[in-house]
């Protein structure tokens, strides 16, 4: 960790009633004395004048000094609360730099808190998730993780795996000694209990990931099927221009909404057609196809009155990304004079009238259910895609341990699978991490955090 003393604004850029400039590092007492005229008393809000190099007043406000190790970062920390003028903020930062500090990198304050043992890695990520929370449910989930609930469950599982490893490896290392060996049946039962514990953790983590990152839905289909009307109805306002003319939408339109606290990223695309009429339309279709490949789910809209058999979907089916699930949305059901045909096996379908709103609540429930989102995310903990990937790897190793025990009774292989599962869990809380991983995580933070 750098020994530099760092400085940055801890409040958003721009004008405001109050702005906070934060410093952290061993030089804080030496910087505070000329900047404030004296080092403030620890943890006591002190009214002070913030001074320039000629002892002129830059601003007046409140100074808070937190001596190490009793601070957010574990280092000496000074917070200057002044008026929210960008000019004043920059003057204070410039003064601190002139006195020996340097400007902080994104997330460097929280990175120092992690490196100094004030937070583990999951808690540090929860800080950013709480700042970025787009709903009350997401904020509650992030706060649970920040308070250590996610880390506690990860550590609890890690402790259970460590206890199993001790018993398995002791039987291997001291095979000729008279020690009590855990029978295969008892070992299998404890392994299966760990598998269940991990499954429960993955379930609440999956809910948290949805609250944090949301779900990307691409609305696709032939021209004039009602895609933009559906987008407007889901968004709750006229985000897209709607006309009777086919091909009104030329580019990808993006809207962000919430379904019971789950962020939903809606993308409305140009109508898919085999022979685009011009270069602009061809580019719109190219962008539509690129969006389809990145979606969590495709809503393929069908004009139920004109195409009750969903022939438009069958025509485009081969061009749709195979890895992305599809829901057929039969729109304009108010105009149907014949029964809507059944889609191919394995394809979900919903019947709606985007113009009137009929069937929209069914569609919303379907979207939540398709992502496994239940009960508004109650009890969820803030989690990210990397956490789910790590937990999936851990589950694979535990399944491997169960299989090794059942098929070969090779305890050396069981112990190795348990070791790998433990290492995977360590990546979540930071006991096992790389500099590259830390750089990616903290690089996504805002500067002053």
Protein backbone atom coordinates (compact mmCIF):
# COMPACT_ATOMS: atom_id res chain seq x y z
CA UNK A 1 0.00 0.00 0.00
CA UNK A 2 1.24 3.48 -0.84
CA UNK A 3 2.56 5.56 2.07
CA UNK A 4 1.33 8.73 0.39
CA UNK A 5 -1.22 10.97 2.02
CA UNK A 6 -4.19 11.31 -0.32
CA UNK A 7 -6.86 13.99 -0.78
CA UNK A 8 -10.13 14.17 -2.73
CA UNK A 9 -13.62 15.61 -2.61
CA UNK A 10 -15.97 13.14 -0.87
CA UNK A 11 -19.10 14.84 -2.22
CA UNK A 12 -20.32 14.85 -5.84
CA UNK A 13 -18.87 17.44 -8.25
CA UNK A 14 -20.81 20.62 -8.91
CA UNK A 15 -22.48 23.29 -6.80
CA UNK A 16 -24.13 22.43 -3.49
CA UNK A 17 -24.83 23.69 0.00
CA UNK A 18 -21.96 21.72 1.54
CA UNK A 19 -18.87 20.03 0.16
CA UNK A 20 -16.49 17.67 1.96
CA UNK A 21 -12.79 17.33 1.25
CA UNK A 22 -11.16 14.25 2.79
CA UNK A 23 -7.49 13.52 3.53
CA UNK A 24 -5.98 10.22 4.69
CA UNK A 25 -2.39 9.29 5.52
CA UNK A 26 0.47 9.80 7.94
CA UNK A 27 1.02 13.43 6.89
CA UNK A 28 -2.47 14.54 7.94
CA UNK A 29 -1.36 16.14 11.26
CA UNK A 30 1.45 18.02 9.49
CA UNK A 31 -0.93 19.23 6.77
CA UNK A 32 -3.75 20.15 9.18
CA UNK A 33 -1.61 22.51 11.28
CA UNK A 34 -0.83 25.12 8.58
CA UNK A 35 -4.18 24.54 6.83
CA UNK A 36 -6.28 25.12 9.97
CA UNK A 37 -3.87 26.97 12.25
CA UNK A 38 -3.85 24.02 14.69
CA UNK A 39 -4.60 20.31 14.76
CA UNK A 40 -8.24 19.86 15.83
CA UNK A 41 -9.15 17.74 18.84
CA UNK A 42 -9.84 14.11 17.84
CA UNK A 43 -13.42 13.25 16.83
CA UNK A 44 -14.74 16.68 17.75
CA UNK A 45 -16.46 18.88 15.16
CA UNK A 46 -14.40 22.07 15.21
CA UNK A 47 -15.30 25.34 13.51
CA UNK A 48 -12.23 26.55 11.63
CA UNK A 49 -10.94 28.79 8.88
CA UNK A 50 -9.26 26.98 5.99
CA UNK A 51 -6.08 28.94 5.22
CA UNK A 52 -3.99 29.41 2.09
CA UNK A 53 -0.18 29.75 1.97
CA UNK A 54 -0.38 33.45 2.97
CA UNK A 55 -2.76 32.67 5.88
CA UNK A 56 -5.63 34.10 3.87
CA UNK A 57 -9.01 32.45 4.35
CA UNK A 58 -10.09 30.06 1.57
CA UNK A 59 -13.33 29.18 3.36
CA UNK A 60 -14.76 28.64 6.84
CA UNK A 61 -16.44 25.47 7.97
CA UNK A 62 -16.14 22.37 10.13
CA UNK A 63 -13.00 20.25 10.57
CA UNK A 64 -13.10 16.66 11.85
CA UNK A 65 -9.90 14.81 12.75
CA UNK A 66 -9.79 11.02 13.24
CA UNK A 67 -6.40 9.74 14.46
CA UNK A 68 -5.24 6.30 13.34
CA UNK A 69 -6.33 3.59 13.73
CA UNK A 70 -9.80 4.79 14.70
CA UNK A 71 -10.92 6.04 11.29
CA UNK A 72 -12.60 4.77 8.12
CA UNK A 73 -9.26 3.98 6.44
CA UNK A 74 -7.35 3.02 9.59
CA UNK A 75 -5.00 5.97 8.93
CA UNK A 76 -5.07 9.57 10.15
CA UNK A 77 -8.13 11.13 8.45
CA UNK A 78 -9.14 14.78 8.19
CA UNK A 79 -12.49 15.92 6.79
CA UNK A 80 -13.10 19.53 5.86
CA UNK A 81 -16.77 20.48 5.53
CA UNK A 82 -17.15 23.76 3.68
CA UNK A 83 -19.36 25.52 1.19
CA UNK A 84 -20.22 23.60 -1.96
CA UNK A 85 -18.48 25.75 -4.54
CA UNK A 86 -16.32 23.89 -7.07
CA UNK A 87 -13.82 26.75 -6.86
CA UNK A 88 -13.53 26.41 -3.07
CA UNK A 89 -13.23 22.62 -3.26
CA UNK A 90 -10.43 22.83 -5.82
CA UNK A 91 -8.65 25.49 -3.76
CA UNK A 92 -8.73 23.24 -0.67
CA UNK A 93 -7.48 20.22 -2.63
CA UNK A 94 -4.73 22.33 -4.22
CA UNK A 95 -3.68 23.60 -0.81
CA UNK A 96 -3.47 20.05 0.57
CA UNK A 97 -1.41 18.96 -2.44
CA UNK A 98 0.97 21.90 -1.90
CA UNK A 99 1.42 20.75 1.72
CA UNK A 100 2.44 17.22 0.70
CA UNK A 101 -0.68 15.24 -0.23
CA UNK A 102 -1.51 13.79 -3.64
CA UNK A 103 -4.85 13.42 -5.37
CA UNK A 104 -6.56 10.12 -4.61
CA UNK A 105 -7.25 7.46 -7.21
CA UNK A 106 -10.80 6.08 -7.63
CA UNK A 107 -11.78 4.02 -4.59
CA UNK A 108 -8.45 4.54 -2.85
CA UNK A 109 -9.96 5.50 0.52
CA UNK A 110 -12.01 2.29 0.66
CA UNK A 111 -9.07 0.28 -0.69
CA UNK A 112 -6.98 1.51 2.23
CA UNK A 113 -9.79 0.58 4.62
CA UNK A 114 -9.71 -2.94 3.14
CA UNK A 115 -5.93 -3.23 3.23
CA UNK A 116 -5.87 -1.99 6.84
CA UNK A 117 -8.44 -4.58 7.92
CA UNK A 118 -11.33 -2.17 8.46
CA UNK A 119 -13.45 -3.91 5.82
CA UNK A 120 -13.21 -7.18 3.97
CA UNK A 121 -13.53 -7.23 0.18
CA UNK A 122 -17.25 -8.03 0.11
CA UNK A 123 -17.96 -5.15 2.50
CA UNK A 124 -15.81 -2.80 0.40
CA UNK A 125 -17.81 -3.69 -2.71
CA UNK A 126 -21.02 -3.13 -0.74
CA UNK A 127 -19.93 0.49 -0.16
CA UNK A 128 -20.05 1.10 -3.91
CA UNK A 129 -23.31 -0.86 -4.22
CA UNK A 130 -24.93 1.28 -1.51
CA UNK A 131 -23.84 4.47 -3.28
CA UNK A 132 -25.20 3.18 -6.60
CA UNK A 133 -28.42 1.68 -5.17
CA UNK A 134 -31.35 2.54 -7.44
CA UNK A 135 -34.12 1.31 -5.13
CA UNK A 136 -34.86 0.94 -1.42
CA UNK A 137 -34.58 -2.84 -1.73
CA UNK A 138 -31.12 -2.53 -3.32
CA UNK A 139 -30.02 -0.12 -0.60
CA UNK A 140 -31.19 -2.51 2.14
CA UNK A 141 -29.36 -5.42 0.50
CA UNK A 142 -26.16 -3.36 0.18
CA UNK A 143 -26.40 -2.26 3.82
CA UNK A 144 -26.72 -5.88 4.94
CA UNK A 145 -23.52 -6.73 3.09
CA UNK A 146 -21.77 -3.61 4.39
CA UNK A 147 -22.67 -4.60 7.94
CA UNK A 148 -21.05 -7.97 7.29
CA UNK A 149 -23.98 -10.35 6.80
CA UNK A 150 -22.68 -11.70 3.46
CA UNK A 151 -19.15 -12.06 4.84
CA UNK A 152 -20.45 -13.78 7.97
CA UNK A 153 -22.24 -16.43 5.91
CA UNK A 154 -19.20 -16.93 3.68
CA UNK A 155 -16.94 -17.33 6.72
CA UNK A 156 -19.41 -19.72 8.36
CA UNK A 157 -19.33 -21.95 5.29
CA UNK A 158 -15.54 -21.65 5.10
CA UNK A 159 -15.26 -22.73 8.74
CA UNK A 160 -17.44 -25.78 8.06
CA UNK A 161 -15.25 -26.75 5.10
CA UNK A 162 -12.08 -26.23 7.12
CA UNK A 163 -13.37 -28.56 9.85
CA UNK A 164 -14.10 -31.21 7.22
CA UNK A 165 -10.63 -30.80 5.71
CA UNK A 166 -9.00 -31.24 9.11
CA UNK A 167 -10.74 -34.55 9.65
CA UNK A 168 -10.10 -35.81 6.11
CA UNK A 169 -6.45 -34.78 5.97
CA UNK A 170 -5.70 -36.02 9.48
CA UNK A 171 -6.83 -39.50 8.43
CA UNK A 172 -4.47 -39.26 5.41
CA UNK A 173 -1.43 -37.80 7.17
CA UNK A 174 -1.64 -40.01 10.25
CA UNK A 175 -2.98 -43.17 8.67
CA UNK A 176 -0.77 -45.38 10.87
CA UNK A 177 -1.63 -43.58 14.09
CA UNK A 178 -4.48 -44.50 16.37
CA UNK A 179 -6.74 -41.53 15.72
CA UNK A 180 -10.48 -41.39 15.33
CA UNK A 181 -11.41 -41.31 11.63
CA UNK A 182 -14.71 -39.84 10.44
CA UNK A 183 -16.68 -42.69 8.79
CA UNK A 184 -17.64 -42.29 5.15
CA UNK A 185 -21.34 -42.02 6.01
CA UNK A 186 -20.78 -39.21 8.53
CA UNK A 187 -18.40 -37.46 6.14
CA UNK A 188 -20.98 -37.67 3.34
CA UNK A 189 -23.67 -36.24 5.63
CA UNK A 190 -21.46 -33.30 6.58
CA UNK A 191 -20.56 -32.70 2.94
CA UNK A 192 -24.22 -32.70 1.97
CA UNK A 193 -24.98 -30.25 4.79
CA UNK A 194 -22.30 -27.94 3.38
CA UNK A 195 -23.83 -28.28 -0.09
CA UNK A 196 -27.23 -27.22 1.30
CA UNK A 197 -25.66 -24.29 3.16
CA UNK A 198 -23.97 -23.16 -0.04
CA UNK A 199 -27.22 -23.52 -2.04
CA UNK A 200 -29.01 -21.21 0.41
CA UNK A 201 -26.18 -18.67 0.15
CA UNK A 202 -26.32 -18.79 -3.65
CA UNK A 203 -30.09 -18.19 -3.59
CA UNK A 204 -29.93 -14.99 -1.53
CA UNK A 205 -26.83 -13.86 -3.43
CA UNK A 206 -28.68 -14.31 -6.71
CA UNK A 207 -31.47 -12.08 -5.42
CA UNK A 208 -28.88 -9.51 -4.39
CA UNK A 209 -27.21 -9.59 -7.77
CA UNK A 210 -30.54 -8.83 -9.43
CA UNK A 211 -31.07 -5.88 -7.07
CA UNK A 212 -27.57 -4.59 -7.77
CA UNK A 213 -27.17 -5.18 -11.49
CA UNK A 214 -30.69 -5.85 -12.71
CA UNK A 215 -31.85 -7.65 -15.83
CA UNK A 216 -31.46 -6.61 -19.47
CA UNK A 217 -34.50 -7.18 -21.66
CA UNK A 218 -34.40 -6.60 -25.42
CA UNK A 219 -37.72 -6.02 -27.18
CA UNK A 220 -37.45 -7.39 -30.72
CA UNK A 221 -39.73 -8.45 -33.54
CA UNK A 222 -40.96 -7.44 -36.98
CA UNK A 223 -41.83 -3.82 -37.83
CA UNK A 224 -45.12 -2.43 -36.56
CA UNK A 225 -45.73 -5.28 -34.10
CA UNK A 226 -46.08 -2.80 -31.22
CA UNK A 227 -42.58 -2.96 -29.72
CA UNK A 228 -42.36 0.76 -28.95
CA UNK A 229 -45.87 0.81 -27.52
CA UNK A 230 -44.88 -2.05 -25.23
CA UNK A 231 -41.74 -0.18 -24.15
CA UNK A 232 -43.79 2.93 -23.36
CA UNK A 233 -46.33 0.92 -21.40
CA UNK A 234 -43.64 -0.82 -19.31
CA UNK A 235 -41.73 2.43 -18.78
CA UNK A 236 -44.84 4.33 -17.79
CA UNK A 237 -44.21 7.24 -20.16
CA UNK A 238 -43.75 7.89 -23.88
CA UNK A 239 -40.07 7.04 -24.20
CA UNK A 240 -40.36 5.97 -27.85
CA UNK A 241 -42.12 7.60 -30.80
CA UNK A 242 -45.08 5.52 -31.93
CA UNK A 243 -46.64 5.88 -35.40
CA UNK A 244 -48.61 3.55 -37.69
CA UNK A 245 -45.66 3.62 -40.09
CA UNK A 246 -43.38 0.54 -40.03
CA UNK A 247 -39.73 1.27 -39.22
CA UNK A 248 -40.30 4.34 -37.02
CA UNK A 249 -37.65 3.10 -34.57
CA UNK A 250 -34.23 3.20 -36.23
CA UNK A 251 -31.87 3.03 -33.25
CA UNK A 252 -31.75 1.12 -29.94
CA UNK A 253 -33.77 2.96 -27.27
CA UNK A 254 -32.90 2.36 -23.62
CA UNK A 255 -35.08 2.76 -20.54
CA UNK A 256 -34.45 1.77 -16.93
CA UNK A 257 -37.44 0.81 -14.78
CA UNK A 258 -38.02 -1.21 -11.59
CA UNK A 259 -40.05 -4.33 -10.94
CA UNK A 260 -40.60 -4.51 -7.16
CA UNK A 261 -37.09 -3.16 -6.61
CA UNK A 262 -35.36 -5.14 -9.36
CA UNK A 263 -33.76 -2.85 -11.97
CA UNK A 264 -34.92 -3.69 -15.47
CA UNK A 265 -32.94 -2.40 -18.43
CA UNK A 266 -35.31 -2.24 -21.40
CA UNK A 267 -33.98 -1.95 -24.94
CA UNK A 268 -36.33 -1.28 -27.85
CA UNK A 269 -34.82 -2.21 -31.20
CA UNK A 270 -35.44 -1.57 -34.87
CA UNK A 271 -37.87 -3.97 -36.50
CA UNK A 272 -36.15 -7.09 -37.82
CA UNK A 273 -36.65 -7.68 -41.50
CA UNK A 274 -34.78 -9.79 -44.00
CA UNK A 275 -34.17 -7.01 -46.56
CA UNK A 276 -33.51 -3.60 -45.00
CA UNK A 277 -34.53 -0.76 -47.27
CA UNK A 278 -31.65 1.69 -46.67
CA UNK A 279 -28.28 2.14 -44.99
CA UNK A 280 -29.77 3.75 -41.86
CA UNK A 281 -32.22 0.91 -41.41
CA UNK A 282 -29.46 -1.64 -41.99
CA UNK A 283 -27.38 -0.01 -39.23
CA UNK A 284 -30.40 -0.06 -36.90
CA UNK A 285 -30.84 -3.78 -37.51
CA UNK A 286 -27.12 -4.40 -36.91
CA UNK A 287 -27.36 -2.62 -33.56
CA UNK A 288 -30.50 -4.57 -32.73
CA UNK A 289 -28.71 -7.86 -33.34
CA UNK A 290 -25.76 -6.75 -31.18
CA UNK A 291 -28.16 -5.87 -28.34
CA UNK A 292 -29.86 -9.26 -28.64
CA UNK A 293 -26.56 -11.06 -28.02
CA UNK A 294 -26.04 -9.19 -24.72
CA UNK A 295 -29.58 -9.64 -23.35
CA UNK A 296 -30.70 -11.70 -20.36
CA UNK A 297 -34.02 -12.33 -22.14
CA UNK A 298 -35.65 -11.42 -25.45
CA UNK A 299 -39.25 -10.31 -25.70
CA UNK A 300 -40.13 -11.15 -29.29
CA UNK A 301 -43.28 -9.17 -30.08
CA UNK A 302 -45.80 -10.63 -32.51
CA UNK A 303 -48.79 -8.86 -34.03
CA UNK A 304 -51.35 -11.44 -32.87
CA UNK A 305 -54.03 -10.10 -35.24
CA UNK A 306 -51.88 -10.25 -38.38
CA UNK A 307 -49.68 -13.21 -37.43
CA UNK A 308 -51.48 -15.51 -34.94
CA UNK A 309 -49.20 -18.40 -35.89
CA UNK A 310 -46.00 -16.47 -35.00
CA UNK A 311 -44.50 -17.04 -38.45
CA UNK A 312 -42.34 -13.90 -37.96
CA UNK A 313 -40.61 -15.60 -35.03
CA UNK A 314 -40.08 -18.82 -36.95
CA UNK A 315 -38.52 -16.79 -39.79
CA UNK A 316 -36.07 -15.07 -37.41
CA UNK A 317 -35.50 -17.94 -35.00
CA UNK A 318 -32.23 -19.10 -36.55
CA UNK A 319 -30.75 -15.59 -36.37
CA UNK A 320 -31.51 -15.09 -32.67
CA UNK A 321 -28.69 -15.90 -30.20
CA UNK A 322 -29.16 -19.49 -29.06
CA UNK A 323 -27.96 -18.80 -25.50
CA UNK A 324 -30.56 -16.10 -24.76
CA UNK A 325 -34.04 -17.28 -23.64
CA UNK A 326 -37.03 -15.94 -25.59
CA UNK A 327 -40.54 -15.02 -24.54
CA UNK A 328 -43.09 -14.57 -27.33
CA UNK A 329 -45.35 -11.60 -26.64
CA UNK A 330 -48.53 -11.81 -28.67
CA UNK A 331 -49.57 -8.16 -28.85
CA UNK A 332 -52.84 -6.57 -30.08
CA UNK A 333 -54.99 -9.36 -28.70
CA UNK A 334 -57.91 -6.92 -28.68
CA UNK A 335 -57.91 -7.11 -32.48
CA UNK A 336 -57.76 -10.90 -32.78
CA UNK A 337 -60.57 -12.59 -34.63
CA UNK A 338 -58.98 -16.05 -34.53
CA UNK A 339 -57.21 -18.08 -31.87
CA UNK A 340 -53.53 -17.42 -31.32
CA UNK A 341 -51.41 -20.40 -32.21
CA UNK A 342 -49.22 -22.29 -29.76
CA UNK A 343 -45.48 -21.51 -29.85
CA UNK A 344 -42.83 -24.15 -30.24
CA UNK A 345 -42.08 -26.39 -27.27
CA UNK A 346 -39.93 -24.75 -24.61
CA UNK A 347 -40.83 -21.19 -25.63
CA UNK A 348 -42.75 -19.07 -23.12
CA UNK A 349 -45.58 -16.92 -24.43
CA UNK A 350 -47.63 -14.06 -23.02
CA UNK A 351 -50.73 -12.43 -24.53
CA UNK A 352 -51.02 -8.68 -24.08
CA UNK A 353 -52.53 -5.52 -25.47
CA UNK A 354 -49.83 -2.89 -25.09
CA UNK A 355 -52.28 -0.15 -26.07
CA UNK A 356 -54.72 -0.85 -23.22
CA UNK A 357 -52.38 -2.53 -20.74
CA UNK A 358 -54.19 -5.87 -20.75
CA UNK A 359 -51.83 -8.70 -19.77
CA UNK A 360 -49.02 -6.36 -18.67
CA UNK A 361 -49.12 -7.48 -15.03
CA UNK A 362 -48.83 -11.10 -16.19
CA UNK A 363 -45.80 -10.10 -18.26
CA UNK A 364 -44.18 -8.35 -15.28
CA UNK A 365 -44.68 -11.42 -13.08
CA UNK A 366 -43.25 -13.61 -15.83
CA UNK A 367 -40.10 -11.49 -16.07
CA UNK A 368 -39.50 -11.66 -12.32
CA UNK A 369 -40.11 -15.39 -12.23
CA UNK A 370 -37.83 -16.03 -15.23
CA UNK A 371 -34.91 -14.48 -13.30
CA UNK A 372 -35.77 -16.20 -10.02
CA UNK A 373 -36.65 -12.91 -8.34
CA UNK A 374 -39.10 -13.42 -5.49
CA UNK A 375 -40.77 -11.42 -2.73
CA UNK A 376 -39.22 -8.10 -3.73
CA UNK A 377 -35.73 -9.27 -2.81
CA UNK A 378 -36.56 -9.50 0.91
CA UNK A 379 -33.62 -10.92 2.86
CA UNK A 380 -31.26 -10.50 -0.09
CA UNK A 381 -27.67 -9.41 0.38
CA UNK A 382 -25.81 -7.25 -2.08
CA UNK A 383 -23.87 -9.41 -4.51
CA UNK A 384 -22.18 -9.09 -7.88
CA UNK A 385 -21.68 -11.34 -10.87
CA UNK A 386 -18.16 -12.23 -9.67
CA UNK A 387 -19.57 -13.44 -6.34
CA UNK A 388 -22.01 -15.73 -8.12
CA UNK A 389 -19.23 -17.07 -10.34
CA UNK A 390 -17.09 -17.82 -7.27
CA UNK A 391 -19.98 -19.53 -5.48
CA UNK A 392 -20.69 -21.60 -8.60
CA UNK A 393 -17.06 -22.76 -8.64
CA UNK A 394 -17.27 -23.60 -4.95
CA UNK A 395 -20.44 -25.64 -5.61
CA UNK A 396 -18.63 -27.51 -8.36
CA UNK A 397 -15.82 -28.45 -6.00
CA UNK A 398 -18.23 -29.59 -3.28
CA UNK A 399 -20.13 -31.70 -5.80
CA UNK A 400 -16.78 -33.12 -6.86
CA UNK A 401 -15.96 -34.01 -3.26
CA UNK A 402 -19.29 -35.80 -2.85
CA UNK A 403 -18.74 -37.73 -6.09
CA UNK A 404 -15.16 -38.68 -5.18
CA UNK A 405 -16.32 -40.02 -1.85
CA UNK A 406 -19.23 -41.94 -3.37
CA UNK A 407 -17.41 -43.39 -6.37
CA UNK A 408 -13.81 -43.93 -5.33
CA UNK A 409 -13.66 -43.34 -1.59
CA UNK A 410 -10.38 -41.54 -2.32
CA UNK A 411 -9.98 -39.16 0.59
CA UNK A 412 -6.97 -37.42 -0.96
CA UNK A 413 -9.21 -36.27 -3.81
CA UNK A 414 -11.96 -35.29 -1.38
CA UNK A 415 -9.46 -33.17 0.55
CA UNK A 416 -8.26 -31.49 -2.66
CA UNK A 417 -11.81 -30.57 -3.70
CA UNK A 418 -12.44 -29.12 -0.23
CA UNK A 419 -9.22 -27.11 -0.45
CA UNK A 420 -10.25 -25.62 -3.80
CA UNK A 421 -13.71 -24.81 -2.47
CA UNK A 422 -12.12 -22.96 0.45
CA UNK A 423 -9.82 -21.00 -1.86
CA UNK A 424 -12.80 -19.98 -3.98
CA UNK A 425 -14.70 -18.67 -0.95
CA UNK A 426 -11.61 -16.69 0.06
CA UNK A 427 -11.87 -14.68 -3.15
CA UNK A 428 -15.19 -13.19 -2.00
CA UNK A 429 -13.97 -11.68 1.25
CA UNK A 430 -10.44 -11.02 0.02
CA UNK A 431 -8.39 -13.61 1.91
CA UNK A 432 -7.49 -14.91 -1.56
CA UNK A 433 -7.25 -12.09 -4.14
CA UNK A 434 -4.96 -10.74 -6.83
CA UNK A 435 -3.75 -7.22 -7.52
CA UNK A 436 -5.61 -7.31 -10.84
CA UNK A 437 -8.90 -8.17 -9.10
CA UNK A 438 -8.42 -5.39 -6.54
CA UNK A 439 -7.65 -2.92 -9.32
CA UNK A 440 -10.89 -3.80 -11.15
CA UNK A 441 -13.01 -3.53 -8.02
CA UNK A 442 -11.72 -0.27 -6.59
CA UNK A 443 -11.28 1.33 -10.00
CA UNK A 444 -15.08 1.40 -10.31
CA UNK A 445 -15.46 3.58 -7.23
CA UNK A 446 -15.91 7.34 -7.24
CA UNK A 447 -12.74 9.33 -6.50
CA UNK A 448 -13.63 10.48 -2.97
CA UNK A 449 -14.61 7.03 -1.72
